[in-house]
Amino acid sequence: MTPRWQRATMNPSWIRWLPCAHAYLTVVPDPGRFPRSTWDAVVPWDDPVWCDPGDIEDWIGRAARRPGRRAEPAERQIRARYAQVLALRETRIDVFADMCRRRDLPVPHTVTELLTCLAGLGLFDLDGATGDPWVRPHLDRDPLDVLPLSPPESDLERLAQRDDRAVQVAIAVRRLAVRTRRRWPRRRTVGTTFGAVAGLAGVTPQETRQALDDLAGLAGLRADPGDRPDTVRITVPWPEFGQRFPFSELPAPEHAI
C-alpha cells in the first residue's frame, strides 16, 4: 500500500530551534502513528542534521551571473551575507547542543540520531520493537513546554514567538496583496477580515491583530478598520513588503537573511 505522505502539524517556532534535517521528519505517512520503516524510502538516515551553506566562491559566482550587478559591490555584499549565515548557523548549533546536554541527550549528528533526540525531547513517541518502533509525532507541542529553559530564556522565547507570528501574518498579507489589482505604483491595499488573515497565517484572530500592530512599526504596514466588525483594510508598501517576506512559510533564521 502506497503511503499517503502529508505534513505533520508542527508548532512553527520549532524552525528556530531544530536542525535543518528535522524537515525530513515532518513528512509522515499518517498523522497518528506508523512504523519507522515506512520512512526508509524517503528519509536519508545517514545525512548530517545541519545543512551545508556551501562554498563562498559558489555564492559569489551565482551573484556575478545576475544581470545588472556590478561584480565588486556584489562580492562585498555576498561575503557579508555569507558571514552572517555562518554566524547564525553556528549559534543555532551551539544553542541546540546546549538544550540536548541539559536533557542529558546525546547531541545528534545524523538524521537517525536526530529522531532519537527529538523523541527524548518529547516531540515523537517511539514504541514497540527496537528495530522498527511505532512512531507518533508530537511536533505541535510548544517549545516553552518542552525545552529546559530558564525563566529569562522563557521570557525571550515568548518574545521570539511573537516575532514568529508577525512573520507568519506578513506572509499571509503578502499572499493576499499579490492577488489584489494594482491601483497605485508604490503600495497595495487588501480588504479582508482578521479571521481570513488568521486562517492563512495559522494564528488566532487576536494574534493577527497584535501582529498587524507590530508590522506597522517594523515593515511600514498600515491596518485600518473596515466597514464591518472584524474587517480590516491593510495597506503595504509595494514591492518592498513582498521582497521582505518572500517565504512560503516561517524560515530558519539563517535562511531569512
C-alpha atoms as a PDB file:
ATOM      1  CA  MET A   1       0.000   0.000   0.000  1.00  0.00           C
ATOM      2  CA  THR A   2       1.418   3.387  -1.034  1.00  0.00           C
ATOM      3  CA  PRO A   3       1.801   5.793   1.923  1.00  0.00           C
ATOM      4  CA  ARG A   4      -0.241   8.999   1.803  1.00  0.00           C
ATOM      5  CA  TRP A   5       2.537  11.446   2.627  1.00  0.00           C
ATOM      6  CA  GLN A   6       1.461  14.599   4.440  1.00  0.00           C
ATOM      7  CA  ARG A   7       2.876  17.288   6.688  1.00  0.00           C
ATOM      8  CA  ALA A   8       2.615  16.647  10.411  1.00  0.00           C
ATOM      9  CA  THR A   9       1.154  19.517  12.411  1.00  0.00           C
ATOM     10  CA  MET A  10       4.116  21.422  13.823  1.00  0.00           C
ATOM     11  CA  ASN A  11       4.478  24.462  16.049  1.00  0.00           C
ATOM     12  CA  PRO A  12       6.143  26.935  13.640  1.00  0.00           C
ATOM     13  CA  SER A  13       8.569  28.201  16.290  1.00  0.00           C
ATOM     14  CA  TRP A  14      10.489  24.903  16.155  1.00  0.00           C
ATOM     15  CA  ILE A  15      12.050  26.204  12.941  1.00  0.00           C
ATOM     16  CA  ARG A  16      14.277  28.424  15.109  1.00  0.00           C
ATOM     17  CA  TRP A  17      15.394  25.570  17.341  1.00  0.00           C
ATOM     18  CA  LEU A  18      15.710  22.382  15.349  1.00  0.00           C
ATOM     19  CA  PRO A  19      18.450  21.362  12.899  1.00  0.00           C
ATOM     20  CA  CYS A  20      17.565  21.724   9.221  1.00  0.00           C
ATOM     21  CA  ALA A  21      17.167  17.955   8.749  1.00  0.00           C
ATOM     22  CA  HIS A  22      14.098  17.936  11.009  1.00  0.00           C
ATOM     23  CA  ALA A  23      12.162  18.761   7.821  1.00  0.00           C
ATOM     24  CA  TYR A  24      12.523  15.109   6.724  1.00  0.00           C
ATOM     25  CA  LEU A  25      10.703  14.052   9.891  1.00  0.00           C
ATOM     26  CA  THR A  26       7.774  16.418   9.362  1.00  0.00           C
ATOM     27  CA  VAL A  27       6.574  14.489   6.287  1.00  0.00           C
ATOM     28  CA  VAL A  28       4.661  11.499   7.612  1.00  0.00           C
ATOM     29  CA  PRO A  29       2.555   8.700   6.122  1.00  0.00           C
ATOM     30  CA  ASP A  30      -0.022   9.010   8.893  1.00  0.00           C
ATOM     31  CA  PRO A  31      -0.745  11.822  11.382  1.00  0.00           C
ATOM     32  CA  GLY A  32      -1.398   9.238  14.087  1.00  0.00           C
ATOM     33  CA  ARG A  33       1.233   6.511  14.212  1.00  0.00           C
ATOM     34  CA  PHE A  34       3.191   4.411  11.741  1.00  0.00           C
ATOM     35  CA  PRO A  35       6.160   2.000  11.643  1.00  0.00           C
ATOM     36  CA  ARG A  36       9.509   3.764  11.473  1.00  0.00           C
ATOM     37  CA  SER A  37      10.460   1.607   8.467  1.00  0.00           C
ATOM     38  CA  THR A  38       7.850   3.439   6.365  1.00  0.00           C
ATOM     39  CA  TRP A  39      10.231   6.403   6.373  1.00  0.00           C
ATOM     40  CA  ASP A  40      13.094   4.362   4.909  1.00  0.00           C
ATOM     41  CA  ALA A  41      12.092   5.157   1.312  1.00  0.00           C
ATOM     42  CA  VAL A  42      12.240   8.935   1.816  1.00  0.00           C
ATOM     43  CA  VAL A  43      14.432   9.777   4.832  1.00  0.00           C
ATOM     44  CA  PRO A  44      18.240   9.877   4.369  1.00  0.00           C
ATOM     45  CA  TRP A  45      19.047   8.465   7.790  1.00  0.00           C
ATOM     46  CA  ASP A  46      22.824   8.909   7.486  1.00  0.00           C
ATOM     47  CA  ASP A  47      22.732  12.543   6.320  1.00  0.00           C
ATOM     48  CA  PRO A  48      24.057  15.305   8.625  1.00  0.00           C
ATOM     49  CA  VAL A  49      21.474  17.195  10.667  1.00  0.00           C
ATOM     50  CA  TRP A  50      22.678  20.704   9.752  1.00  0.00           C
ATOM     51  CA  CYS A  51      22.570  21.830   6.119  1.00  0.00           C
ATOM     52  CA  ASP A  52      25.784  22.993   4.453  1.00  0.00           C
ATOM     53  CA  PRO A  53      25.712  26.628   3.240  1.00  0.00           C
ATOM     54  CA  GLY A  54      28.219  25.725   0.518  1.00  0.00           C
ATOM     55  CA  ASP A  55      31.394  27.429  -0.593  1.00  0.00           C
ATOM     56  CA  ILE A  56      31.636  31.217  -0.615  1.00  0.00           C
ATOM     57  CA  GLU A  57      33.050  31.171  -4.152  1.00  0.00           C
ATOM     58  CA  ASP A  58      29.872  29.465  -5.389  1.00  0.00           C
ATOM     59  CA  TRP A  59      27.805  32.241  -3.806  1.00  0.00           C
ATOM     60  CA  ILE A  60      29.930  34.888  -5.486  1.00  0.00           C
ATOM     61  CA  GLY A  61      29.754  33.105  -8.841  1.00  0.00           C
ATOM     62  CA  ARG A  62      25.953  32.916  -8.757  1.00  0.00           C
ATOM     63  CA  ALA A  63      25.684  36.594  -7.830  1.00  0.00           C
ATOM     64  CA  ALA A  64      28.072  37.646 -10.601  1.00  0.00           C
ATOM     65  CA  ARG A  65      25.907  35.918 -13.208  1.00  0.00           C
ATOM     66  CA  ARG A  66      22.854  38.001 -12.316  1.00  0.00           C
ATOM     67  CA  PRO A  67      22.184  40.717 -14.891  1.00  0.00           C
ATOM     68  CA  GLY A  68      22.733  44.307 -13.842  1.00  0.00           C
ATOM     69  CA  ARG A  69      25.025  43.520 -10.894  1.00  0.00           C
ATOM     70  CA  ARG A  70      28.484  45.104 -10.635  1.00  0.00           C
ATOM     71  CA  ALA A  71      30.985  42.409  -9.667  1.00  0.00           C
ATOM     72  CA  GLU A  72      32.921  44.219  -6.919  1.00  0.00           C
ATOM     73  CA  PRO A  73      29.973  45.552  -4.852  1.00  0.00           C
ATOM     74  CA  ALA A  74      28.167  42.222  -5.288  1.00  0.00           C
ATOM     75  CA  GLU A  75      31.161  40.315  -3.927  1.00  0.00           C
ATOM     76  CA  ARG A  76      31.383  42.514  -0.840  1.00  0.00           C
ATOM     77  CA  GLN A  77      27.672  42.124  -0.176  1.00  0.00           C
ATOM     78  CA  ILE A  78      27.725  38.364  -0.706  1.00  0.00           C
ATOM     79  CA  ARG A  79      30.721  37.897   1.596  1.00  0.00           C
ATOM     80  CA  ALA A  80      28.977  39.915   4.310  1.00  0.00           C
ATOM     81  CA  ARG A  81      25.770  37.887   3.919  1.00  0.00           C
ATOM     82  CA  TYR A  82      27.700  34.612   3.928  1.00  0.00           C
ATOM     83  CA  ALA A  83      29.415  35.612   7.181  1.00  0.00           C
ATOM     84  CA  GLN A  84      26.014  36.371   8.742  1.00  0.00           C
ATOM     85  CA  VAL A  85      24.664  32.982   7.659  1.00  0.00           C
ATOM     86  CA  LEU A  86      27.661  31.162   9.143  1.00  0.00           C
ATOM     87  CA  ALA A  87      27.429  33.093  12.413  1.00  0.00           C
ATOM     88  CA  LEU A  88      23.700  32.369  12.808  1.00  0.00           C
ATOM     89  CA  ARG A  89      24.222  28.723  11.892  1.00  0.00           C
ATOM     90  CA  GLU A  90      26.978  28.314  14.479  1.00  0.00           C
ATOM     91  CA  THR A  91      24.855  29.993  17.141  1.00  0.00           C
ATOM     92  CA  ARG A  92      21.911  27.698  16.414  1.00  0.00           C
ATOM     93  CA  ILE A  93      24.161  24.621  16.537  1.00  0.00           C
ATOM     94  CA  ASP A  94      25.555  25.692  19.920  1.00  0.00           C
ATOM     95  CA  VAL A  95      22.144  26.533  21.398  1.00  0.00           C
ATOM     96  CA  PHE A  96      20.556  23.259  20.271  1.00  0.00           C
ATOM     97  CA  ALA A  97      23.526  21.275  21.596  1.00  0.00           C
ATOM     98  CA  ASP A  98      23.120  23.037  24.944  1.00  0.00           C
ATOM     99  CA  MET A  99      19.422  22.071  25.079  1.00  0.00           C
ATOM    100  CA  CYS A 100      20.394  18.440  24.432  1.00  0.00           C
ATOM    101  CA  ARG A 101      23.014  18.457  27.166  1.00  0.00           C
ATOM    102  CA  ARG A 102      20.558  19.950  29.660  1.00  0.00           C
ATOM    103  CA  ARG A 103      18.252  16.999  28.965  1.00  0.00           C
ATOM    104  CA  ASP A 104      21.170  14.530  29.155  1.00  0.00           C
ATOM    105  CA  LEU A 105      20.631  13.642  25.492  1.00  0.00           C
ATOM    106  CA  PRO A 106      23.485  12.910  23.050  1.00  0.00           C
ATOM    107  CA  VAL A 107      23.951  15.741  20.550  1.00  0.00           C
ATOM    108  CA  PRO A 108      22.739  14.333  17.194  1.00  0.00           C
ATOM    109  CA  HIS A 109      24.929  14.326  14.086  1.00  0.00           C
ATOM    110  CA  THR A 110      22.822  12.211  11.705  1.00  0.00           C
ATOM    111  CA  VAL A 111      19.103  12.102  10.933  1.00  0.00           C
ATOM    112  CA  THR A 112      18.871   8.746  12.730  1.00  0.00           C
ATOM    113  CA  GLU A 113      20.321  10.308  15.865  1.00  0.00           C
ATOM    114  CA  LEU A 114      18.075  13.356  15.447  1.00  0.00           C
ATOM    115  CA  LEU A 115      14.918  11.226  15.619  1.00  0.00           C
ATOM    116  CA  THR A 116      16.162   9.632  18.845  1.00  0.00           C
ATOM    117  CA  CYS A 117      16.998  13.066  20.244  1.00  0.00           C
ATOM    118  CA  LEU A 118      13.595  14.534  19.359  1.00  0.00           C
ATOM    119  CA  ALA A 119      11.922  11.524  20.945  1.00  0.00           C
ATOM    120  CA  GLY A 120      13.931  12.286  24.098  1.00  0.00           C
ATOM    121  CA  LEU A 121      12.632  15.857  24.000  1.00  0.00           C
ATOM    122  CA  GLY A 122       9.051  14.604  23.672  1.00  0.00           C
ATOM    123  CA  LEU A 123       8.409  15.519  20.036  1.00  0.00           C
ATOM    124  CA  PHE A 124       7.992  11.878  18.997  1.00  0.00           C
ATOM    125  CA  ASP A 125       6.940   8.674  20.726  1.00  0.00           C
ATOM    126  CA  LEU A 126       8.891   5.566  19.695  1.00  0.00           C
ATOM    127  CA  ASP A 127       7.045   2.479  20.936  1.00  0.00           C
ATOM    128  CA  GLY A 128       7.483  -1.221  20.398  1.00  0.00           C
ATOM    129  CA  ALA A 129      10.183  -3.173  18.620  1.00  0.00           C
ATOM    130  CA  THR A 130      13.699  -1.797  18.905  1.00  0.00           C
ATOM    131  CA  GLY A 131      14.444  -2.310  15.208  1.00  0.00           C
ATOM    132  CA  ASP A 132      11.181  -0.931  13.860  1.00  0.00           C
ATOM    133  CA  PRO A 133       9.267   1.000  16.527  1.00  0.00           C
ATOM    134  CA  TRP A 134       5.912   2.668  16.038  1.00  0.00           C
ATOM    135  CA  VAL A 135       6.326   6.428  15.585  1.00  0.00           C
ATOM    136  CA  ARG A 136       3.829   9.003  16.830  1.00  0.00           C
ATOM    137  CA  PRO A 137       4.598  12.715  16.151  1.00  0.00           C
ATOM    138  CA  HIS A 138       4.030  15.437  18.752  1.00  0.00           C
ATOM    139  CA  LEU A 139       5.561  18.299  16.790  1.00  0.00           C
ATOM    140  CA  ASP A 140       2.664  20.569  17.699  1.00  0.00           C
ATOM    141  CA  ARG A 141       3.987  20.942  21.250  1.00  0.00           C
ATOM    142  CA  ASP A 142       5.141  24.397  22.286  1.00  0.00           C
ATOM    143  CA  PRO A 143       8.915  24.869  22.759  1.00  0.00           C
ATOM    144  CA  LEU A 144       8.054  26.596  26.049  1.00  0.00           C
ATOM    145  CA  ASP A 145       6.537  23.324  27.286  1.00  0.00           C
ATOM    146  CA  VAL A 146       9.352  21.119  26.007  1.00  0.00           C
ATOM    147  CA  LEU A 147      12.733  22.818  26.247  1.00  0.00           C
ATOM    148  CA  PRO A 148      14.676  23.128  29.525  1.00  0.00           C
ATOM    149  CA  LEU A 149      14.634  26.928  29.559  1.00  0.00           C
ATOM    150  CA  SER A 150      15.430  29.196  32.481  1.00  0.00           C
ATOM    151  CA  PRO A 151      12.826  31.875  33.391  1.00  0.00           C
ATOM    152  CA  PRO A 152      14.744  34.630  31.499  1.00  0.00           C
ATOM    153  CA  GLU A 153      15.112  32.309  28.490  1.00  0.00           C
ATOM    154  CA  SER A 154      11.393  31.568  28.587  1.00  0.00           C
ATOM    155  CA  ASP A 155      10.657  35.299  28.521  1.00  0.00           C
ATOM    156  CA  LEU A 156      12.903  35.665  25.451  1.00  0.00           C
ATOM    157  CA  GLU A 157      11.175  32.713  23.791  1.00  0.00           C
ATOM    158  CA  ARG A 158       7.761  34.336  24.303  1.00  0.00           C
ATOM    159  CA  LEU A 159       9.046  37.482  22.573  1.00  0.00           C
ATOM    160  CA  ALA A 160      10.559  35.393  19.777  1.00  0.00           C
ATOM    161  CA  GLN A 161       7.253  33.590  19.266  1.00  0.00           C
ATOM    162  CA  ARG A 162       5.517  36.950  18.976  1.00  0.00           C
ATOM    163  CA  ASP A 163       8.009  37.837  16.225  1.00  0.00           C
ATOM    164  CA  ASP A 164       7.328  34.455  14.583  1.00  0.00           C
ATOM    165  CA  ARG A 165       3.613  35.235  14.463  1.00  0.00           C
ATOM    166  CA  ALA A 166       4.333  38.644  12.934  1.00  0.00           C
ATOM    167  CA  VAL A 167       6.274  36.963  10.110  1.00  0.00           C
ATOM    168  CA  GLN A 168       3.500  34.388   9.629  1.00  0.00           C
ATOM    169  CA  VAL A 169       0.942  37.196   9.314  1.00  0.00           C
ATOM    170  CA  ALA A 170       3.261  39.130   6.980  1.00  0.00           C
ATOM    171  CA  ILE A 171       3.481  36.084   4.701  1.00  0.00           C
ATOM    172  CA  ALA A 172      -0.320  35.841   4.676  1.00  0.00           C
ATOM    173  CA  VAL A 173      -0.677  39.554   3.882  1.00  0.00           C
ATOM    174  CA  ARG A 174       1.875  39.251   1.072  1.00  0.00           C
ATOM    175  CA  ARG A 175      -0.109  36.381  -0.445  1.00  0.00           C
ATOM    176  CA  LEU A 176      -3.280  38.470  -0.331  1.00  0.00           C
ATOM    177  CA  ALA A 177      -1.525  41.544  -1.711  1.00  0.00           C
ATOM    178  CA  VAL A 178      -0.185  39.615  -4.709  1.00  0.00           C
ATOM    179  CA  ARG A 179      -3.779  38.796  -5.692  1.00  0.00           C
ATOM    180  CA  THR A 180      -5.036  42.387  -5.493  1.00  0.00           C
ATOM    181  CA  ARG A 181      -5.423  44.619  -8.510  1.00  0.00           C
ATOM    182  CA  ARG A 182      -2.666  47.209  -8.780  1.00  0.00           C
ATOM    183  CA  ARG A 183      -4.031  50.738  -8.305  1.00  0.00           C
ATOM    184  CA  TRP A 184      -1.006  52.655  -7.051  1.00  0.00           C
ATOM    185  CA  PRO A 185       2.622  52.102  -8.137  1.00  0.00           C
ATOM    186  CA  ARG A 186       4.156  52.035  -4.639  1.00  0.00           C
ATOM    187  CA  ARG A 187       1.522  50.380  -2.460  1.00  0.00           C
ATOM    188  CA  ARG A 188      -1.166  47.750  -2.438  1.00  0.00           C
ATOM    189  CA  THR A 189      -4.315  47.631  -0.345  1.00  0.00           C
ATOM    190  CA  VAL A 190      -6.025  44.472   0.847  1.00  0.00           C
ATOM    191  CA  GLY A 191      -9.611  44.438   2.085  1.00  0.00           C
ATOM    192  CA  THR A 192     -10.156  41.335   4.211  1.00  0.00           C
ATOM    193  CA  THR A 193     -11.087  40.082   7.692  1.00  0.00           C
ATOM    194  CA  PHE A 194      -8.945  39.311  10.708  1.00  0.00           C
ATOM    195  CA  GLY A 195     -10.313  35.778  10.571  1.00  0.00           C
ATOM    196  CA  ALA A 196      -9.241  35.301   6.954  1.00  0.00           C
ATOM    197  CA  VAL A 197      -5.703  36.516   7.659  1.00  0.00           C
ATOM    198  CA  ALA A 198      -5.569  34.349  10.786  1.00  0.00           C
ATOM    199  CA  GLY A 199      -6.612  31.285   8.789  1.00  0.00           C
ATOM    200  CA  LEU A 200      -3.888  31.845   6.194  1.00  0.00           C
ATOM    201  CA  ALA A 201      -1.258  32.557   8.830  1.00  0.00           C
ATOM    202  CA  GLY A 202      -2.133  29.718  11.184  1.00  0.00           C
ATOM    203  CA  VAL A 203      -2.659  32.007  14.188  1.00  0.00           C
ATOM    204  CA  THR A 204      -5.703  33.302  16.103  1.00  0.00           C
ATOM    205  CA  PRO A 205      -7.598  36.490  15.131  1.00  0.00           C
ATOM    206  CA  GLN A 206      -6.355  38.166  18.317  1.00  0.00           C
ATOM    207  CA  GLU A 207      -2.766  37.236  17.475  1.00  0.00           C
ATOM    208  CA  THR A 208      -3.387  38.611  13.983  1.00  0.00           C
ATOM    209  CA  ARG A 209      -4.409  41.983  15.391  1.00  0.00           C
ATOM    210  CA  GLN A 210      -1.280  42.099  17.547  1.00  0.00           C
ATOM    211  CA  ALA A 211       0.922  41.063  14.637  1.00  0.00           C
ATOM    212  CA  LEU A 212      -0.507  43.755  12.361  1.00  0.00           C
ATOM    213  CA  ASP A 213       0.266  46.339  15.046  1.00  0.00           C
ATOM    214  CA  ASP A 214       3.832  45.002  15.267  1.00  0.00           C
ATOM    215  CA  LEU A 215       4.239  45.078  11.476  1.00  0.00           C
ATOM    216  CA  ALA A 216       3.143  48.696  11.362  1.00  0.00           C
ATOM    217  CA  GLY A 217       6.363  49.640  13.121  1.00  0.00           C
ATOM    218  CA  LEU A 218       8.588  47.001  11.557  1.00  0.00           C
ATOM    219  CA  ALA A 219       7.578  46.993   7.921  1.00  0.00           C
ATOM    220  CA  GLY A 220       5.562  50.128   7.189  1.00  0.00           C
ATOM    221  CA  LEU A 221       2.235  48.286   7.059  1.00  0.00           C
ATOM    222  CA  ARG A 222      -0.993  50.151   7.928  1.00  0.00           C
ATOM    223  CA  ALA A 223      -4.142  48.386   9.111  1.00  0.00           C
ATOM    224  CA  ASP A 224      -7.364  50.422   9.242  1.00  0.00           C
ATOM    225  CA  PRO A 225     -10.775  49.232  10.471  1.00  0.00           C
ATOM    226  CA  GLY A 226     -13.169  48.164   7.734  1.00  0.00           C
ATOM    227  CA  ASP A 227     -16.847  48.951   7.325  1.00  0.00           C
ATOM    228  CA  ARG A 228     -17.978  45.973   9.428  1.00  0.00           C
ATOM    229  CA  PRO A 229     -16.708  44.326  12.617  1.00  0.00           C
ATOM    230  CA  ASP A 230     -13.756  42.015  12.017  1.00  0.00           C
ATOM    231  CA  THR A 231     -12.979  43.605   8.645  1.00  0.00           C
ATOM    232  CA  VAL A 232      -9.691  45.371   8.036  1.00  0.00           C
ATOM    233  CA  ARG A 233      -8.089  47.379   5.245  1.00  0.00           C
ATOM    234  CA  ILE A 234      -4.346  46.646   5.055  1.00  0.00           C
ATOM    235  CA  THR A 235      -2.022  48.907   3.081  1.00  0.00           C
ATOM    236  CA  VAL A 236       1.542  47.762   2.403  1.00  0.00           C
ATOM    237  CA  PRO A 237       4.479  49.407   0.642  1.00  0.00           C
ATOM    238  CA  TRP A 238       4.973  47.542  -2.612  1.00  0.00           C
ATOM    239  CA  PRO A 239       7.087  45.824  -3.848  1.00  0.00           C
ATOM    240  CA  GLU A 240       9.307  46.296  -0.762  1.00  0.00           C
ATOM    241  CA  PHE A 241       6.929  44.385   1.519  1.00  0.00           C
ATOM    242  CA  GLY A 242       6.750  41.433  -0.845  1.00  0.00           C
ATOM    243  CA  GLN A 243      10.526  41.357  -1.222  1.00  0.00           C
ATOM    244  CA  ARG A 244      10.999  41.390   2.543  1.00  0.00           C
ATOM    245  CA  PHE A 245       8.632  38.442   3.107  1.00  0.00           C
ATOM    246  CA  PRO A 246       9.008  36.208   0.037  1.00  0.00           C
ATOM    247  CA  PHE A 247       8.782  32.957   2.025  1.00  0.00           C
ATOM    248  CA  SER A 248       6.014  30.385   1.783  1.00  0.00           C
ATOM    249  CA  GLU A 249       6.405  29.550   5.497  1.00  0.00           C
ATOM    250  CA  LEU A 250       8.399  30.685   8.508  1.00  0.00           C
ATOM    251  CA  PRO A 251      12.099  30.287   7.577  1.00  0.00           C
ATOM    252  CA  ALA A 252      15.039  29.242   9.729  1.00  0.00           C
ATOM    253  CA  PRO A 253      16.966  32.342  10.853  1.00  0.00           C
ATOM    254  CA  GLU A 254      19.991  31.794   8.599  1.00  0.00           C
ATOM    255  CA  HIS A 255      17.694  31.262   5.595  1.00  0.00           C
ATOM    256  CA  ALA A 256      15.845  34.542   6.202  1.00  0.00           C
ATOM    257  CA  ILE A 257      18.879  36.789   5.558  1.00  0.00           C
END
